[in-house]
Protein backbone atom coordinates (compact mmCIF):
# COMPACT_ATOMS: atom_id res chain seq x y z
CA MET A 1 -0.22 0.00 -0.10
CA GLY A 2 1.08 3.22 -0.89
CA HIS A 3 1.52 6.27 1.54
CA ILE A 4 2.59 9.97 1.35
CA ARG A 5 4.63 11.93 3.78
CA GLU A 6 5.07 15.52 3.84
CA ARG A 7 8.58 16.79 3.81
CA ASN A 8 9.31 20.64 4.82
CA LEU A 9 12.36 21.70 3.38
CA LYS A 10 14.11 25.16 4.17
CA GLU A 11 15.12 26.33 0.96
CA ASP A 12 12.57 24.34 -1.41
CA GLY A 13 9.33 24.75 0.60
CA VAL A 14 7.10 21.71 0.73
CA ARG A 15 7.99 18.04 -1.05
CA TYR A 16 5.76 15.30 -1.03
CA GLN A 17 7.71 11.78 -0.57
CA CYS A 18 5.68 8.46 -1.72
CA GLU A 19 6.45 4.89 -0.90
CA ILE A 20 4.61 1.75 -1.95
CA ARG A 21 5.06 -1.16 -0.03
CA MET A 22 3.46 -4.56 -1.40
CA LYS A 23 4.01 -8.05 -0.55
CA GLY A 24 6.30 -9.73 -2.50
CA HIS A 25 7.77 -6.46 -4.03
CA PRO A 26 10.36 -4.33 -3.10
CA LEU A 27 10.07 -0.56 -1.80
CA ILE A 28 9.34 1.88 -4.41
CA SER A 29 9.47 5.47 -3.70
CA ALA A 30 9.37 8.87 -5.54
CA THR A 31 9.28 12.30 -4.71
CA PHE A 32 7.03 15.09 -6.03
CA ASP A 33 6.39 18.71 -5.48
CA ARG A 34 2.40 18.35 -5.72
CA LYS A 35 0.33 16.18 -3.76
CA THR A 36 -1.86 15.62 -6.49
CA ASP A 37 1.25 14.22 -8.66
CA ALA A 38 1.99 11.75 -5.56
CA ARG A 39 -1.63 10.58 -5.53
CA THR A 40 -1.54 10.24 -9.18
CA TRP A 41 1.78 8.13 -9.00
CA ILE A 42 0.84 5.88 -6.27
CA GLN A 43 -2.66 4.90 -8.23
CA LYS A 44 -0.95 4.35 -11.42
CA THR A 45 2.10 2.46 -9.90
CA GLU A 46 -0.04 0.09 -7.69
CA THR A 47 -2.30 -0.69 -10.60
CA GLU A 48 0.52 -1.83 -12.85
CA ILE A 49 2.07 -3.87 -9.95
CA ARG A 50 -1.02 -5.64 -9.68
CA CYS A 51 -1.44 -6.38 -13.41
CA GLY A 52 2.37 -7.35 -13.59
CA ARG A 53 3.05 -4.68 -16.09
CA TYR A 54 5.39 -2.77 -13.37
CA GLN A 55 9.32 -3.58 -13.57
CA LEU A 56 12.00 -2.30 -12.13
CA HIS A 57 14.41 -1.17 -14.43
CA SER A 58 17.43 -1.08 -12.02
CA GLY A 59 17.99 -4.97 -12.44
CA SER A 60 18.28 -4.86 -15.94
CA ASN A 61 20.90 -2.29 -16.30
CA ARG A 62 23.04 -4.49 -14.30
CA HIS A 63 23.62 -7.24 -16.48
CA THR A 64 24.88 -7.46 -20.14
CA PHE A 65 23.62 -9.40 -23.22
CA LYS A 66 26.71 -11.41 -22.94
CA GLU A 67 26.19 -12.39 -19.46
CA ALA A 68 22.79 -13.88 -20.29
CA ILE A 69 24.11 -15.89 -23.17
CA GLU A 70 27.01 -17.20 -20.90
CA ARG A 71 24.43 -18.19 -18.45
CA TYR A 72 22.28 -19.79 -21.09
CA GLU A 73 25.26 -21.70 -22.47
CA GLN A 74 26.13 -23.11 -18.74
CA GLU A 75 22.52 -24.31 -18.27
CA GLN A 76 21.45 -25.71 -21.83
CA LYS A 77 23.29 -28.14 -24.33
CA ILE A 78 23.77 -26.32 -27.31
CA ALA A 79 24.24 -27.77 -30.89
CA GLY A 80 27.16 -27.09 -33.03
CA TRP A 81 25.28 -25.10 -35.60
CA LYS A 82 23.33 -23.06 -33.05
CA LYS A 83 26.65 -22.28 -31.42
CA SER A 84 27.81 -19.93 -34.42
CA HIS A 85 24.65 -18.14 -34.59
CA ILE A 86 24.89 -17.64 -30.55
CA ASN A 87 28.57 -16.39 -30.84
CA TRP A 88 27.68 -14.11 -33.73
CA TRP A 89 24.78 -12.67 -31.58
CA MET A 90 27.24 -12.20 -28.74
CA GLU A 91 29.68 -10.23 -30.99
CA GLU A 92 27.02 -7.94 -32.04
CA LEU A 93 25.11 -7.34 -28.70
CA GLY A 94 27.32 -8.73 -26.18
CA PRO A 95 28.18 -5.26 -24.15
CA LEU A 96 24.63 -4.05 -24.43
CA TYR A 97 22.99 -3.97 -21.14
CA LEU A 98 19.46 -5.83 -20.90
């Protein structure tokens, strides 16, 4: 469930910090200048989580395509002709983040 906390800052005035805690998901937070923006964000984000559309992007920025292919090769047996295709893709997309 989401809640809003009002933060009084000396130089910037009032800011609204939102947190959403849902079972089975990590804590999600954001900060807004307007309370209406905070309420809208909470409603939208909770709906996306319930529908399975919300995904944190921080995990995808940690792993490269090459790491994913290497893990796949460890877990699966790969035929010889498929190996050449996989190597080509690894050379082309290897350094890109997922």
